[in-house]
Structures are given as structure tokens and as C-alpha cells.
């Protein structure tokens, strides 16, 4: 009986030693790195740091998601996205409703310059996919510089955002005086 008791005691003691040896080294079935330090939180093994994103964001416009590195489509922001622009069709509708007295407030209107009739005043026609509208004249955003005196100014084919009151003159809708908020030069292909 003593032998059985001693054998049982040795077995329990040996089991205790084995258990003490494994303390602190937990084996894991899947490597988890919640703190993103490159080591498994359970076993300490080196793991590849992977960030999962819920929405692909490419703020530096290099074609890869800033969070997960996955390839994303690079979308160039239009200047009209920077303002609360109305379409040319909406501008025409508002101008027709206001008549010759004009609107009491100014609106941001986006368009592409179709033609410039008077380069001194910036008298032009702009268009978008909804139509075209006449612009009586263009000044800088601060209203201090007339179109002809602008150092860098938009030309035919460029995108523009103008802030203007809308009205009709002799029944024709127009932007009364457009204040240039933003523009983007569009490179044109040469037709040889």
C-alpha cells in the first residue's frame, strides 16, 4: 500500500512539474494580433500584420487602400464636388422664375466653357450635361479683378465653378455676374 501511495504521489508531483513547465506558453490554434505589433497575442509567434478595412480609402491617391493596401480605383475629384453646385438646367429654371429682377441669392453653378464672346469682361457660355447658359461677365472670387486682368484664368474647354445671381435678360436666362470660385484647365489633344 505504501508503494501505491508513493507511486501516486510521484505521479501527481511529476504532473505538477510538467504543468509548471508549460505555464506562460499558451499554444493557440489561430494567430491573433489585436494590438498589431507583429506578434501573436497568445503564443508570441511572429505573424504578418494585416489590417482589415471596412471601406477602401486612398487619400494619397497612389492606387492602394491606406488601411489594407488592397488595390483601389483612383477617382479624381471634380471641382464641382468642392461646392454645392446646381446644374445648368436648374440655373435656367431659377433664372426663368426670377425674371429680369433676378434671384435674391447667389448660386454655385458648374460648367465647361463652351465659348468666350468678350475676353475683356469674361462674357461666355458654359455648359454641362443638362444644357448651356450665358454668363454676363466673370470676376475673381473676391470681386476685385475683372476677367481680362486675371493672371491665370479659365479658357474654352476648362471646367469652372461660378457663384452668381440668376436672371433673364430679354427673355434669355443668364448668370448676372459670375464670381470665379474654382477652375480646372483641361488639356486638349492636338488634332494634327
Protein backbone atom coordinates (compact mmCIF):
# COMPACT_ATOMS: atom_id res chain seq x y z
CA UNK A 1 0.00 0.00 0.00
CA UNK A 2 2.90 2.30 0.77
CA UNK A 3 4.28 1.66 -2.67
CA UNK A 4 0.95 2.57 -4.25
CA UNK A 5 0.73 5.75 -2.19
CA UNK A 6 4.34 6.72 -3.06
CA UNK A 7 3.74 5.91 -6.77
CA UNK A 8 0.59 8.03 -6.76
CA UNK A 9 2.45 10.85 -5.01
CA UNK A 10 5.33 10.73 -7.55
CA UNK A 11 2.83 10.71 -10.45
CA UNK A 12 0.98 13.78 -9.11
CA UNK A 13 4.29 15.54 -8.41
CA UNK A 14 5.57 14.81 -11.93
CA UNK A 15 2.29 16.04 -13.41
CA UNK A 16 2.65 19.23 -11.37
CA UNK A 17 6.18 19.80 -12.70
CA UNK A 18 5.05 19.34 -16.30
CA UNK A 19 2.20 21.77 -15.73
CA UNK A 20 4.59 24.33 -14.21
CA UNK A 21 6.92 23.99 -17.19
CA UNK A 22 4.16 24.96 -19.66
CA UNK A 23 2.96 27.94 -17.65
CA UNK A 24 3.20 31.13 -19.75
CA UNK A 25 3.44 29.46 -23.16
CA UNK A 26 -0.11 29.06 -24.36
CA UNK A 27 -0.49 27.28 -27.65
CA UNK A 28 -3.00 28.86 -29.98
CA UNK A 29 -4.91 27.44 -32.89
CA UNK A 30 -5.06 30.71 -34.80
CA UNK A 31 -2.57 33.52 -34.54
CA UNK A 32 -4.28 36.70 -33.35
CA UNK A 33 -2.52 40.05 -33.28
CA UNK A 34 -5.06 42.50 -31.89
CA UNK A 35 -2.51 45.15 -30.93
CA UNK A 36 -0.89 44.98 -34.42
CA UNK A 37 2.65 44.60 -33.07
CA UNK A 38 3.52 41.66 -35.33
CA UNK A 39 3.34 39.01 -32.56
CA UNK A 40 0.55 36.56 -31.74
CA UNK A 41 -1.19 37.68 -28.57
CA UNK A 42 -1.50 34.08 -27.31
CA UNK A 43 1.76 32.30 -28.21
CA UNK A 44 4.11 35.16 -29.09
CA UNK A 45 4.94 33.80 -32.58
CA UNK A 46 5.68 36.35 -35.29
CA UNK A 47 2.68 36.95 -37.53
CA UNK A 48 2.00 39.06 -40.60
CA UNK A 49 0.29 42.29 -39.61
CA UNK A 50 -2.88 42.66 -41.65
CA UNK A 51 -5.30 45.48 -41.18
CA UNK A 52 -8.80 44.81 -42.41
CA UNK A 53 -10.72 47.83 -43.53
CA UNK A 54 -14.44 48.28 -43.89
CA UNK A 55 -14.11 50.95 -46.55
CA UNK A 56 -11.23 51.37 -49.00
CA UNK A 57 -9.73 54.84 -48.62
CA UNK A 58 -6.93 56.14 -50.83
CA UNK A 59 -6.19 59.62 -49.51
CA UNK A 60 -2.70 59.76 -51.03
CA UNK A 61 -4.09 58.71 -54.45
CA UNK A 62 -1.46 56.04 -55.09
CA UNK A 63 -3.93 53.34 -56.14
CA UNK A 64 -3.86 51.34 -52.90
CA UNK A 65 -6.06 51.43 -49.81
CA UNK A 66 -4.37 53.34 -46.97
CA UNK A 67 -5.67 50.81 -44.41
CA UNK A 68 -5.29 47.38 -46.00
CA UNK A 69 -3.10 48.03 -49.06
CA UNK A 70 -5.62 46.49 -51.44
CA UNK A 71 -5.67 47.93 -54.97
CA UNK A 72 -8.39 50.55 -55.39
CA UNK A 73 -9.64 52.66 -58.26
CA UNK A 74 -8.24 56.18 -58.12
CA UNK A 75 -11.04 58.68 -58.60
CA UNK A 76 -10.10 62.24 -59.35
CA UNK A 77 -12.31 64.71 -57.55
CA UNK A 78 -14.11 67.21 -59.74
CA UNK A 79 -14.08 70.88 -58.77
CA UNK A 80 -17.87 70.76 -58.57
CA UNK A 81 -17.57 68.30 -55.66
CA UNK A 82 -15.99 71.08 -53.58
CA UNK A 83 -19.14 73.23 -53.79
CA UNK A 84 -22.88 72.76 -53.52
CA UNK A 85 -23.39 73.29 -57.26
CA UNK A 86 -26.63 73.30 -59.16
CA UNK A 87 -26.86 72.06 -62.74
CA UNK A 88 -27.21 74.38 -65.70
CA UNK A 89 -30.80 73.16 -66.15
CA UNK A 90 -31.57 74.14 -62.55
CA UNK A 91 -29.91 77.53 -63.09
CA UNK A 92 -32.06 78.11 -66.18
CA UNK A 93 -35.21 77.19 -64.26
CA UNK A 94 -34.34 79.54 -61.36
CA UNK A 95 -33.46 82.36 -63.77
CA UNK A 96 -36.76 81.97 -65.62
CA UNK A 97 -38.70 82.07 -62.33
CA UNK A 98 -36.80 85.17 -61.13
CA UNK A 99 -37.22 87.05 -64.39
CA UNK A 100 -35.41 90.37 -65.03
CA UNK A 101 -35.24 91.29 -61.34
CA UNK A 102 -33.06 88.24 -60.65
CA UNK A 103 -32.70 85.91 -57.70
CA UNK A 104 -32.16 87.33 -54.25
CA UNK A 105 -29.41 84.81 -53.52
CA UNK A 106 -26.35 83.58 -55.39
CA UNK A 107 -25.86 80.00 -56.59
CA UNK A 108 -22.82 77.89 -57.38
CA UNK A 109 -23.03 76.77 -60.99
CA UNK A 110 -20.61 74.26 -62.54
CA UNK A 111 -19.92 74.09 -66.25
CA UNK A 112 -17.40 73.75 -69.03
CA UNK A 113 -16.64 76.89 -71.02
CA UNK A 114 -18.18 76.46 -74.47
CA UNK A 115 -17.20 79.87 -75.86
CA UNK A 116 -15.91 83.28 -74.78
CA UNK A 117 -17.64 86.17 -76.56
CA UNK A 118 -15.82 89.06 -74.89
CA UNK A 119 -12.37 88.42 -73.41
CA UNK A 120 -12.33 91.76 -71.56
CA UNK A 121 -15.37 91.09 -69.40
CA UNK A 122 -15.35 87.29 -69.48
CA UNK A 123 -18.67 87.17 -71.29
CA UNK A 124 -19.08 83.47 -72.03
CA UNK A 125 -21.33 80.46 -72.37
CA UNK A 126 -20.90 77.47 -70.06
CA UNK A 127 -22.46 74.04 -70.40
CA UNK A 128 -22.89 70.75 -68.61
CA UNK A 129 -24.75 67.55 -69.50
CA UNK A 130 -28.09 69.31 -68.81
CA UNK A 131 -27.70 72.34 -71.08
CA UNK A 132 -25.89 75.64 -71.63
CA UNK A 133 -26.28 79.13 -70.16
CA UNK A 134 -24.91 82.60 -70.88
CA UNK A 135 -22.63 84.35 -68.34
CA UNK A 136 -22.74 88.16 -68.46
CA UNK A 137 -19.20 88.56 -67.09
CA UNK A 138 -16.62 86.96 -64.79
CA UNK A 139 -14.72 88.42 -61.85
CA UNK A 140 -12.37 86.92 -59.28
CA UNK A 141 -13.92 85.33 -56.18
CA UNK A 142 -13.25 88.50 -54.15
CA UNK A 143 -14.87 90.66 -56.90
CA UNK A 144 -11.70 92.76 -57.21
CA UNK A 145 -10.32 91.52 -60.55
CA UNK A 146 -12.12 91.52 -63.87
CA UNK A 147 -11.60 88.56 -66.22
CA UNK A 148 -9.11 90.34 -68.53
CA UNK A 149 -6.84 91.29 -65.59
CA UNK A 150 -6.66 87.80 -64.08
CA UNK A 151 -3.15 86.35 -64.24
CA UNK A 152 -4.41 82.77 -64.51
CA UNK A 153 -7.87 82.43 -65.99
CA UNK A 154 -10.04 79.71 -67.49
CA UNK A 155 -10.32 79.37 -71.26
CA UNK A 156 -12.58 77.48 -73.67
CA UNK A 157 -12.81 73.83 -72.65
CA UNK A 158 -11.92 74.41 -68.97
CA UNK A 159 -14.16 73.48 -66.04
CA UNK A 160 -15.42 76.37 -63.89
CA UNK A 161 -17.50 76.93 -60.78
CA UNK A 162 -19.12 80.36 -60.71
CA UNK A 163 -21.09 81.98 -57.89
CA UNK A 164 -23.79 84.23 -59.32
CA UNK A 165 -27.29 85.61 -59.13
CA UNK A 166 -29.58 84.25 -61.85
CA UNK A 167 -31.92 86.28 -64.04
CA UNK A 168 -33.30 86.70 -67.53
CA UNK A 169 -32.38 89.48 -69.92
CA UNK A 170 -34.74 89.96 -72.86
CA UNK A 171 -36.17 86.53 -72.02
CA UNK A 172 -32.78 84.76 -72.04
CA UNK A 173 -31.61 83.05 -68.79
CA UNK A 174 -28.15 84.10 -67.60
CA UNK A 175 -25.69 84.29 -64.73
CA UNK A 176 -25.72 88.02 -63.93
CA UNK A 177 -22.06 88.34 -62.91
CA UNK A 178 -20.10 85.21 -62.15
CA UNK A 179 -17.52 85.20 -59.39
CA UNK A 180 -14.92 82.57 -60.22
CA UNK A 181 -14.70 80.15 -57.28
CA UNK A 182 -12.59 77.45 -58.92
CA UNK A 183 -11.47 76.28 -62.32
CA UNK A 184 -9.51 73.43 -63.82
CA UNK A 185 -7.56 73.61 -67.04
CA UNK A 186 -8.39 70.70 -69.32
CA UNK A 187 -5.58 69.59 -71.62
CA UNK A 188 -6.79 69.31 -75.17
CA UNK A 189 -5.49 66.74 -77.63
CA UNK A 190 -3.83 68.27 -80.67
CA UNK A 191 -5.53 67.43 -83.94
CA UNK A 192 -2.72 67.26 -86.48
